[in-house]
Every structure is written in structure tokens, then in C-alpha cells.
Protein backbone atom coordinates (compact mmCIF):
# COMPACT_ATOMS: atom_id res chain seq x y z
CA MET A 1 92.58 -4.75 -21.79
CA THR A 2 90.51 -5.59 -18.83
CA ARG A 3 86.52 -4.19 -19.16
CA ARG A 4 86.12 -1.94 -15.74
CA VAL A 5 82.63 -1.30 -15.06
CA LEU A 6 82.39 1.45 -12.48
CA LEU A 7 78.83 1.88 -10.87
CA HIS A 8 77.94 4.79 -9.16
CA VAL A 9 74.77 4.54 -7.25
CA GLY A 10 74.61 7.15 -5.14
CA ALA A 11 73.43 8.73 -2.52
CA PRO A 12 71.45 11.64 -3.24
CA LYS A 13 72.66 15.12 -2.14
CA THR A 14 76.24 13.67 -2.14
CA GLY A 15 77.81 16.03 -5.02
CA THR A 16 75.84 13.69 -7.76
CA SER A 17 74.81 15.88 -9.85
CA PHE A 18 77.87 17.92 -10.00
CA VAL A 19 79.81 14.59 -10.90
CA GLN A 20 77.11 13.83 -14.18
CA ASP A 21 77.80 17.29 -15.23
CA ILE A 22 81.23 16.94 -15.83
CA LEU A 23 81.11 13.20 -16.90
CA PHE A 24 78.29 14.15 -19.50
CA THR A 25 80.09 17.62 -20.74
CA ASN A 26 83.26 15.70 -21.46
CA ARG A 27 82.31 12.28 -22.24
CA ALA A 28 84.15 12.73 -26.19
CA ALA A 29 87.26 13.77 -24.56
CA LEU A 30 86.76 10.89 -21.77
CA ARG A 31 85.89 8.45 -24.51
CA GLU A 32 89.56 9.90 -25.85
CA ARG A 33 91.24 8.42 -22.96
CA GLY A 34 89.42 5.00 -22.87
CA ILE A 35 87.11 5.98 -20.43
CA LEU A 36 82.90 5.50 -21.31
CA TYR A 37 80.38 7.57 -20.42
CA ALA A 38 77.48 6.77 -22.27
CA ALA A 39 74.96 9.39 -22.61
CA ASP A 40 72.92 10.97 -25.57
CA ARG A 41 71.09 12.85 -23.20
CA HIS A 42 71.91 14.41 -19.65
CA ASP A 43 69.27 12.04 -18.14
CA ALA A 44 70.09 9.00 -20.26
CA HIS A 45 71.43 7.04 -17.01
CA PHE A 46 68.64 8.35 -15.01
CA LEU A 47 66.28 6.44 -17.16
CA ALA A 48 68.19 3.38 -17.19
CA ALA A 49 68.07 3.55 -13.75
CA LEU A 50 63.88 3.82 -14.14
CA ASP A 51 63.90 0.90 -16.70
CA LEU A 52 65.88 -1.66 -14.26
CA MET A 53 64.21 -1.07 -11.08
CA GLU A 54 60.65 0.05 -12.46
CA LEU A 55 60.05 2.61 -11.22
CA PRO A 56 56.78 4.82 -11.83
CA TRP A 57 58.00 8.60 -12.27
CA GLY A 58 55.42 10.98 -13.32
CA GLY A 59 54.98 8.90 -16.83
CA LEU A 60 58.73 8.89 -17.79
CA GLU A 61 59.43 5.64 -16.99
CA ARG A 62 57.39 4.53 -20.69
CA GLU A 63 60.03 6.70 -21.87
CA ALA A 64 62.53 4.88 -20.09
CA VAL A 65 61.46 1.47 -21.90
CA GLY A 66 64.54 -0.89 -22.66
CA ALA A 67 66.81 2.16 -21.87
CA TRP A 68 69.04 0.00 -19.24
CA ASP A 69 69.75 -2.80 -21.48
CA ARG A 70 70.76 -0.19 -24.27
CA LEU A 71 72.76 1.02 -21.65
CA ALA A 72 74.35 -2.03 -20.75
CA ALA A 73 74.73 -3.11 -24.14
CA GLU A 74 76.94 -0.06 -25.16
CA VAL A 75 79.19 -0.77 -22.00
CA ARG A 76 80.00 -4.52 -22.77
CA ALA A 77 80.94 -3.53 -26.13
CA TRP A 78 83.55 -1.03 -24.59
CA PRO A 79 86.94 -2.38 -24.15
CA GLY A 80 88.33 -0.17 -21.38
CA THR A 81 86.96 1.57 -18.79
CA ALA A 82 82.89 2.44 -18.29
CA ILE A 83 81.51 4.31 -15.67
CA ILE A 84 77.48 4.37 -14.88
CA SER A 85 76.22 7.09 -12.44
CA HIS A 86 72.95 7.53 -10.73
CA GLU A 87 71.61 8.14 -7.35
CA ILE A 88 68.75 6.51 -7.24
CA PHE A 89 70.13 3.06 -8.15
CA GLY A 90 71.00 3.11 -4.65
CA THR A 91 67.48 1.69 -4.00
CA ALA A 92 67.31 -1.30 -6.07
CA SER A 93 66.33 -4.44 -4.55
CA ARG A 94 68.80 -7.31 -4.42
CA VAL A 95 66.80 -9.06 -7.48
CA GLN A 96 67.68 -5.74 -9.46
CA VAL A 97 71.29 -5.61 -8.38
CA ALA A 98 71.99 -9.03 -9.31
CA ARG A 99 70.11 -8.51 -13.04
CA ALA A 100 72.67 -5.17 -13.27
CA LEU A 101 75.87 -7.12 -12.49
CA GLU A 102 74.87 -9.66 -14.89
CA SER A 103 74.05 -7.95 -17.54
CA LEU A 104 77.03 -5.77 -17.62
CA GLY A 105 78.77 -8.97 -18.47
CA ASP A 106 80.92 -12.12 -16.77
CA ASP A 107 84.35 -10.79 -18.09
CA SER A 108 83.66 -7.29 -16.72
CA GLU A 109 85.39 -6.30 -13.46
CA ILE A 110 82.84 -4.51 -11.36
CA HIS A 111 83.01 -1.47 -8.95
CA VAL A 112 80.26 -0.25 -7.32
CA VAL A 113 80.92 3.24 -5.98
CA PHE A 114 79.01 5.26 -3.44
CA SER A 115 78.93 8.57 -2.23
CA ALA A 116 77.97 9.83 1.22
CA ARG A 117 77.81 12.48 3.76
CA ASP A 118 77.07 12.63 7.50
CA LEU A 119 72.76 11.65 8.66
CA VAL A 120 72.78 15.10 10.07
CA ARG A 121 73.58 17.10 7.35
CA GLN A 122 71.55 14.45 4.83
CA ILE A 123 67.84 14.82 6.35
CA PRO A 124 67.61 18.58 6.24
CA ALA A 125 69.15 18.18 2.47
CA GLU A 126 66.38 15.81 1.33
CA TRP A 127 63.29 17.73 2.96
CA GLN A 128 64.29 20.73 1.04
CA GLU A 129 64.90 18.32 -1.71
CA ASN A 130 61.76 17.16 -1.83
CA VAL A 131 60.03 20.75 -1.25
CA LYS A 132 61.78 21.51 -4.95
CA HIS A 133 59.89 18.25 -6.09
CA ARG A 134 56.60 19.82 -5.01
CA ARG A 135 55.53 18.32 -2.04
CA THR A 136 54.33 20.05 1.06
CA LYS A 137 54.74 17.69 3.96
CA THR A 138 56.01 20.42 6.71
CA TYR A 139 59.69 19.47 8.24
CA GLY A 140 58.00 18.26 11.77
CA ARG A 141 55.99 15.44 10.19
CA PHE A 142 59.12 14.60 7.71
CA LEU A 143 61.33 14.24 10.70
CA GLU A 144 58.57 12.40 12.30
CA ASN A 145 58.33 9.90 9.52
CA LEU A 146 61.85 9.39 9.45
CA GLN A 147 61.90 8.13 13.13
CA ASP A 148 59.19 6.12 13.04
CA PRO A 149 60.92 2.50 13.39
CA GLU A 150 57.90 0.55 10.80
CA ARG A 151 59.23 2.98 8.19
CA SER A 152 55.93 3.04 6.85
CA ALA A 153 55.45 6.45 5.17
CA GLU A 154 57.20 6.60 1.45
CA VAL A 155 59.11 9.27 2.07
CA ALA A 156 60.58 6.95 4.80
CA GLN A 157 61.15 4.17 2.56
CA TRP A 158 62.52 6.14 -0.12
CA PHE A 159 64.80 7.91 2.04
CA TRP A 160 66.08 4.83 3.76
CA GLY A 161 66.99 2.77 0.75
CA VAL A 162 69.25 5.63 -0.78
CA GLN A 163 70.73 6.74 2.73
CA GLU A 164 70.85 3.88 4.77
CA ILE A 165 74.98 3.32 3.82
CA PRO A 166 75.64 0.07 5.44
CA ASP A 167 72.51 -1.34 3.86
CA VAL A 168 72.63 0.08 0.42
CA LEU A 169 76.49 -1.29 0.34
CA ASP A 170 75.49 -4.92 1.62
CA ARG A 171 72.61 -4.92 -1.09
CA TRP A 172 75.25 -3.83 -4.08
CA GLY A 173 78.62 -5.05 -3.13
CA GLU A 174 77.25 -8.57 -1.22
CA SER A 175 78.60 -10.70 -3.80
CA LEU A 176 82.13 -7.97 -5.23
CA PRO A 177 85.56 -8.63 -3.54
CA ARG A 178 85.97 -5.95 -0.29
CA ASP A 179 88.37 -3.66 -2.64
CA GLN A 180 85.60 -3.39 -5.48
CA VAL A 181 83.46 -1.55 -3.13
CA HIS A 182 84.47 2.36 -2.82
CA LEU A 183 82.80 4.43 -0.79
CA VAL A 184 83.39 8.01 -0.89
CA THR A 185 82.70 10.24 1.77
CA VAL A 186 81.62 13.87 1.32
CA PRO A 187 84.35 16.06 3.19
CA ARG A 188 83.39 18.34 6.01
CA PRO A 189 82.33 21.75 5.62
CA GLY A 190 85.33 23.94 5.09
CA ALA A 191 87.29 21.59 3.32
CA SER A 192 89.04 22.82 -0.32
CA PRO A 193 86.06 23.02 -2.63
CA THR A 194 87.89 20.62 -4.76
CA LEU A 195 88.54 17.89 -2.47
CA LEU A 196 85.51 15.94 -3.52
CA TRP A 197 85.43 15.85 -7.03
CA GLU A 198 89.70 14.65 -6.28
CA ARG A 199 87.87 11.76 -5.01
CA PHE A 200 85.66 10.83 -7.31
CA ALA A 201 88.47 11.32 -9.94
CA GLY A 202 90.50 9.35 -7.93
CA VAL A 203 88.23 6.43 -8.27
CA PHE A 204 87.19 7.11 -11.60
CA GLY A 205 90.82 7.25 -13.06
CA ILE A 206 90.13 10.95 -14.39
CA ASP A 207 92.65 13.43 -13.74
CA PRO A 208 90.85 16.28 -11.54
CA ILE A 209 93.25 18.60 -12.93
CA GLU A 210 92.54 18.00 -16.68
CA PHE A 211 88.92 17.86 -16.09
CA THR A 212 88.45 20.89 -14.01
CA PRO A 213 84.47 21.23 -12.73
CA GLU A 214 83.74 24.66 -14.18
CA GLY A 215 80.30 24.93 -12.12
CA LYS A 216 80.02 25.11 -8.75
CA ALA A 217 77.52 22.54 -6.90
CA ASN A 218 74.16 24.06 -5.85
CA ALA A 219 74.04 25.99 -2.69
CA SER A 220 70.96 24.73 -0.63
CA LEU A 221 67.98 27.22 0.53
CA GLY A 222 67.71 28.90 3.74
CA VAL A 223 64.67 28.41 6.44
CA PRO A 224 62.23 31.20 5.33
CA GLU A 225 62.75 30.50 1.47
CA SER A 226 61.90 26.77 2.18
CA THR A 227 59.19 27.68 4.14
CA MET A 228 58.24 29.82 1.51
CA VAL A 229 58.57 27.60 -1.58
CA ARG A 230 56.28 24.58 0.19
CA ARG A 231 53.62 27.59 1.03
CA LEU A 232 53.69 27.62 -2.78
CA ASN A 233 53.33 24.46 -3.63
CA MET A 234 50.41 24.28 -2.08
CA ARG A 235 49.05 27.10 -3.93
CA LEU A 236 50.50 25.93 -7.21
CA ASN A 237 50.02 21.80 -7.09
CA ASP A 238 46.66 21.83 -8.26
CA THR A 239 46.92 24.29 -11.05
CA LEU A 240 50.39 24.47 -12.14
CA PRO A 241 51.73 21.70 -14.83
CA ASN A 242 55.04 19.82 -13.72
CA HIS A 243 56.76 21.19 -16.75
CA HIS A 244 56.22 24.85 -15.68
CA TYR A 245 56.94 23.93 -12.24
CA ARG A 246 59.88 22.36 -13.51
CA THR A 247 61.04 25.53 -15.31
CA PHE A 248 59.91 28.94 -13.24
CA VAL A 249 59.72 27.33 -9.75
CA ARG A 250 63.06 24.72 -8.96
CA GLU A 251 64.97 25.95 -11.76
CA LEU A 252 64.41 30.02 -11.83
CA LEU A 253 63.07 30.38 -8.89
CA VAL A 254 64.95 27.93 -6.68
CA HIS A 255 68.00 27.18 -8.40
CA ARG A 256 69.08 30.04 -9.96
CA ASN A 257 68.00 32.90 -7.52
CA LEU A 258 66.75 31.95 -3.73
CA SER A 259 69.35 28.91 -3.20
CA GLY A 260 72.16 30.69 -1.08
CA ARG A 261 70.27 33.88 -0.93
CA PRO A 262 72.50 35.68 1.94
CA GLY A 263 71.29 36.50 5.54
CA SER A 264 68.83 33.88 5.71
CA PRO A 265 69.42 30.57 8.05
CA ARG A 266 70.67 27.64 7.42
CA LEU A 267 68.61 24.27 7.62
CA SER A 268 69.29 22.24 10.69
CA LEU A 269 67.50 19.61 13.21
CA PRO A 270 65.86 20.21 16.43
CA GLU A 271 67.69 19.11 19.54
CA ASP A 272 66.69 15.54 20.19
CA THR A 273 66.54 14.91 16.55
CA TYR A 274 70.35 15.45 16.24
CA ARG A 275 70.99 13.32 18.84
CA TRP A 276 69.35 10.12 17.29
CA ALA A 277 70.24 11.00 13.88
CA SER A 278 73.84 11.53 15.59
CA ASP A 279 74.27 8.29 17.38
CA LEU A 280 72.73 6.35 14.22
CA ALA A 281 75.23 7.38 12.02
CA ARG A 282 78.37 6.82 14.70
CA SER A 283 76.72 3.21 14.37
CA TRP A 284 77.02 3.37 10.95
CA VAL A 285 80.88 4.49 11.42
CA SER A 286 81.69 1.93 13.49
CA GLU A 287 80.16 -1.02 11.55
CA LEU A 288 81.80 0.08 8.02
CA ALA A 289 85.17 0.06 9.96
CA LEU A 290 84.96 -3.70 10.41
CA ARG A 291 83.82 -4.27 6.90
CA GLY A 292 86.88 -3.58 4.69
CA TYR A 293 85.32 -1.76 2.01
CA ASP A 294 87.35 0.92 0.07
CA VAL A 295 86.88 4.03 1.61
CA VAL A 296 87.98 6.98 -0.30
CA GLY A 297 88.32 10.27 1.99
CA THR A 298 88.07 8.98 5.89
CA LEU A 299 85.16 7.39 7.86
CA ASP A 300 85.37 10.46 10.18
CA ASP A 301 83.49 12.69 7.65
CA LEU A 302 80.28 10.29 8.05
CA VAL A 303 80.62 11.47 12.07
CA PRO A 304 78.25 14.47 12.48
CA GLY A 305 79.68 17.37 13.91
CA ASP A 306 77.86 20.15 16.67
CA PRO A 307 74.82 20.77 16.45
CA LEU A 308 73.44 24.51 14.77
CA PRO A 309 70.94 26.56 16.18
CA PHE A 310 67.89 25.22 15.08
CA VAL A 311 65.07 27.72 12.66
CA ASP A 312 62.37 25.70 12.94
CA PRO A 313 60.72 26.11 9.33
CA ASP A 314 56.96 25.12 9.72
CA HIS A 315 56.75 27.99 12.59
CA GLY A 316 59.59 30.51 10.99
CA ASP A 317 60.02 34.30 10.77
CA GLU A 318 57.32 35.18 8.98
CA GLU A 319 58.90 38.61 8.15
CA GLN A 320 61.57 37.10 6.71
CA VAL A 321 59.38 34.27 4.91
CA GLY A 322 57.54 37.83 3.18
CA ASP A 323 60.62 39.03 2.08
CA ALA A 324 61.76 35.72 0.61
CA ALA A 325 58.37 35.81 -1.55
CA LEU A 326 58.45 39.40 -2.33
CA ASP A 327 61.78 38.81 -3.49
CA ALA A 328 60.46 35.43 -5.57
CA LEU A 329 57.62 37.86 -6.85
CA ALA A 330 60.47 40.23 -8.23
CA ILE A 331 62.00 37.54 -9.97
CA MET A 332 58.79 36.05 -11.28
CA THR A 333 57.73 39.74 -12.57
CA ARG A 334 60.77 40.39 -14.34
CA GLU A 335 60.93 36.97 -16.35
CA THR A 336 57.35 37.87 -17.22
CA ALA A 337 58.45 40.95 -18.57
CA ARG A 338 61.12 39.66 -20.40
CA LEU A 339 58.67 36.94 -22.20
CA ARG A 340 56.21 39.49 -22.89
CA ASP A 341 58.83 41.16 -24.86
CA VAL A 342 59.52 38.28 -26.48
CA GLU A 343 56.41 37.57 -27.30
CA ILE A 344 55.53 40.82 -28.73
CA GLU A 345 58.81 40.20 -31.19
CA LEU A 346 57.27 37.15 -32.07
CA HIS A 347 53.85 38.68 -32.98
CA GLY A 348 55.33 41.46 -35.20
CA VAL A 349 57.96 38.76 -37.07
CA ILE A 350 54.45 36.73 -37.34
CA ASP A 351 52.81 39.70 -38.49
CA ASP A 352 55.27 40.95 -41.24
CA LEU A 353 55.05 37.09 -42.62
CA MET A 354 51.40 36.88 -42.85
CA GLY A 355 51.47 40.41 -44.65
CA GLN A 356 54.21 39.15 -47.40
CA LEU A 357 51.74 36.15 -47.73
CA ASP A 358 49.15 38.28 -48.54
CA ARG A 359 51.01 40.09 -50.79
CA PHE A 360 52.08 37.19 -52.58
CA HIS A 361 48.45 35.59 -52.27
CA SER A 362 47.26 38.76 -54.60
CA THR A 363 49.89 38.15 -57.71
CA ARG A 364 48.32 37.90 -60.68
CA SER A 365 50.15 34.41 -61.20
CA TYR A 366 49.17 33.00 -57.36
CA LYS A 367 45.65 34.21 -58.34
CA ALA A 368 46.06 32.53 -61.86
CA LYS A 369 46.90 29.04 -60.33
CA GLU A 370 44.14 29.28 -57.89
CA ARG A 371 41.83 29.49 -60.62
CA LEU A 372 43.60 26.71 -61.95
CA VAL A 373 43.05 24.68 -59.07
CA ALA A 374 39.52 24.95 -58.72
CA MET A 375 38.49 24.40 -62.61
CA SER A 376 40.68 20.97 -61.97
CA SER A 377 38.12 19.71 -60.42
CA THR A 378 35.30 19.52 -63.02
CA ASN A 379 37.25 20.21 -65.94
CA PRO A 380 39.88 17.75 -67.60
CA PHE A 381 41.82 20.21 -69.50
CA ALA A 382 42.46 21.79 -66.57
CA ARG A 383 42.80 19.09 -64.43
CA ALA A 384 46.00 18.06 -67.08
CA GLY A 385 47.68 21.61 -67.19
CA LEU A 386 47.88 21.26 -63.46
CA ALA A 387 49.21 18.36 -63.51
CA THR A 388 51.49 19.35 -66.35
CA TYR A 389 52.95 22.35 -63.86
CA ARG A 390 53.17 20.04 -61.09
CA ARG A 391 56.16 18.24 -62.86
CA LEU A 392 57.66 20.68 -63.98
CA ARG A 393 57.72 22.60 -60.56
CA GLY A 394 58.63 19.07 -59.21
CA ARG A 395 56.38 19.93 -56.59
CA ASN A 396 54.20 17.38 -54.81
CA SER A 397 50.34 16.94 -55.32
CA ARG A 398 49.28 18.71 -52.34
CA SER A 399 51.20 21.91 -53.49
CA THR A 400 49.42 25.24 -55.84
């Protein structure tokens, strides 16, 4: 059987986490069907991407050392289909791409998969993702950075590195036959909620019915919620460790509660930015139509739809922002109360165990052992007796 390797390299905000959840959750069942998703932890392919591209990532890069080579070795040893997936692979340089393809084996049939959504939807989503990762840049400044022809700002370099569809496909697919470069398009709003998964499953060779996704994609933040979280970042960034931010702000507050909050206006683009992004997206579609890649979906999905009403998150409705902040305060208060109850319960357990320990320490046998231990430091007979006791008990030399 020919070893077939599917490298899913992005882009962010195109259902990638949703797909990776399905692959990771069902990795044992997929293996039984000849499909390898080699991951002993949920972020295994993320660590491999950090290692391949030698990216700094808040200290995680130290944990990632060697992760790519280990993943590549597992893939080379697998006789059937193997899937590798993470959205930050998209930013790899040509040198890093060459290393990745070479390390997967000369006898492998390598396919590159890139999922893409229209640029007008991607830009607001990327700013919100920045906000969810502690950034404080205003929306207006973010849009200015992206439209700067020099792309000198870090945020612009990152965005275009993973979102400029023709460039990413050129870097990753340059040495591959065009029919082994797959462009999966994210359906337009209003499409069947399972359509995107069906497109991915078709490329991966997975039965979309058998492996039906149980969860749903994360809903995006509304304008007032985005404004509130960005302001919250400004107050917390110098005082709250990242692991606490991830638990309480990103997961509890944003993902589990504020995302999809009803009644909030959706983030969109101002009129001039919409025209610029729409023109750029259409130029990409024209270029992609000439390249002959395998398009899973339709290139029309990448043509932006009509503009949505623009609500500026930098100068939003303060009453709506205040309501979002009060909801956030209520969520955090309830969680604090829950954790306080857990703390009280644990203190009760600790007090009970300490009481049992105190009662044990007050027994005659324990006090006799204490005296024997004390005497053993000066009395050779006591030392010999203690050694005999420990041998009989099968305890180590630190035990009493």
C-alpha cells in the first residue's frame, strides 16, 4: 500500500480546531481503519509545528524540541494514510517546507490541504482571536497595519503569512503535482452546518457519517464583548499569569459564555476596508482559478458577500459594553463562589485527615517508635533494634 500523507496547513479561523477535535477524539477508531492521526495529546501537532518552524511561543517552544522529528518518524513507519493538521504550519518558509516534505519520506505520496474563507470574514475573526490571546491593539490600528503595503507590523506579517491563500499554496505546493494540492473552501453563511466537515472528510478519506461531529464550532464574540475583553486585557496583562488567563478569561468567559451572546452586533469591516479586502479577495480567486489546484467546494465561496452594517468596537455603545461587563462579572462571581465551596470542602477533608494523623501520633506504639528513633542516634542497641524493625516491616530507611 502506498503511504499517503495529508498535511493540513491552515488557515486559522477556517474550522481547523473543529476538525482537529474530531481527528483527536476518534484517533483510535481511525487507526483501525488504516488512518493515522499520531497524537498522544491534543496539542501534539501544534508542538510539532513550533519545532519545525522554531517559533517562540511563551516558553512552549522548549517543550516542543524534537516534536516534529518524532511525528515524522511515526508517519514514516505507518503503511497507510496519515494526517497532520495545524493551522500555524501555513506560515512556514520555503526552507521549512522543504525540510517537512523531505522528512516525511521519499516514498510517501504527500498531499497539502489548505482550508480558506473569504477575506472579509477572516479579518474581523483574526482581530477577535488576537483579543482572546491578550492583545490590546484597537481594531482601527489593526486594520491600518493589515493595509500597510510594507506589512512592517508583527500582526501584519503573521496575518498575511497564514491567510494569503495564493502565497501559502505556492510555498507548500510548489514541488507537488497540482492534483495533490487541495483547497477546501469554507461555505458561505447559511450553508448546511455539516458541509465543511463533509468537504474535509472527503479529502481525508473519512466517512463523514460514521465520524459525525458531536460539538459545534465556536461562535464569535459580538462587538461589545470584544471591546470589553480588550479593555479587560489592559487591566490584567501585567498581573494575571497566562495559565489563569487561559482558564478564566479565554475558556470560561469567552468560549463558554460570551461567544454567541444574543442581541450583540457582529463585527464587520468599515466601508473603505471592505472595498479593499473585497477587491483583493477577487484577485486571489482569479489567480487560483488559473493554477489548477483541486478545489473542494467552489472558488465562489472565497468571493465576499454583501457588506454588513459596521459597528466600531473602538467607539461602541458604552451601555452595551457595560452590560457585557456585568454579565462577565456575574459569570466570574458564580465561578468564584463555586471554587470557594470546593476550597471549604477540601479544608474539611484536610482537617479530618490531620485529626486522624494526630490521633495516630498519640498512640502508645507510635510514641514508642519515636523514642526508639531518638535513642538510635546515640545508643547502638537502639539503632540495631530500629534496623531490625524496619527490615521486618519492609520499610525504607526514612520510615519510622
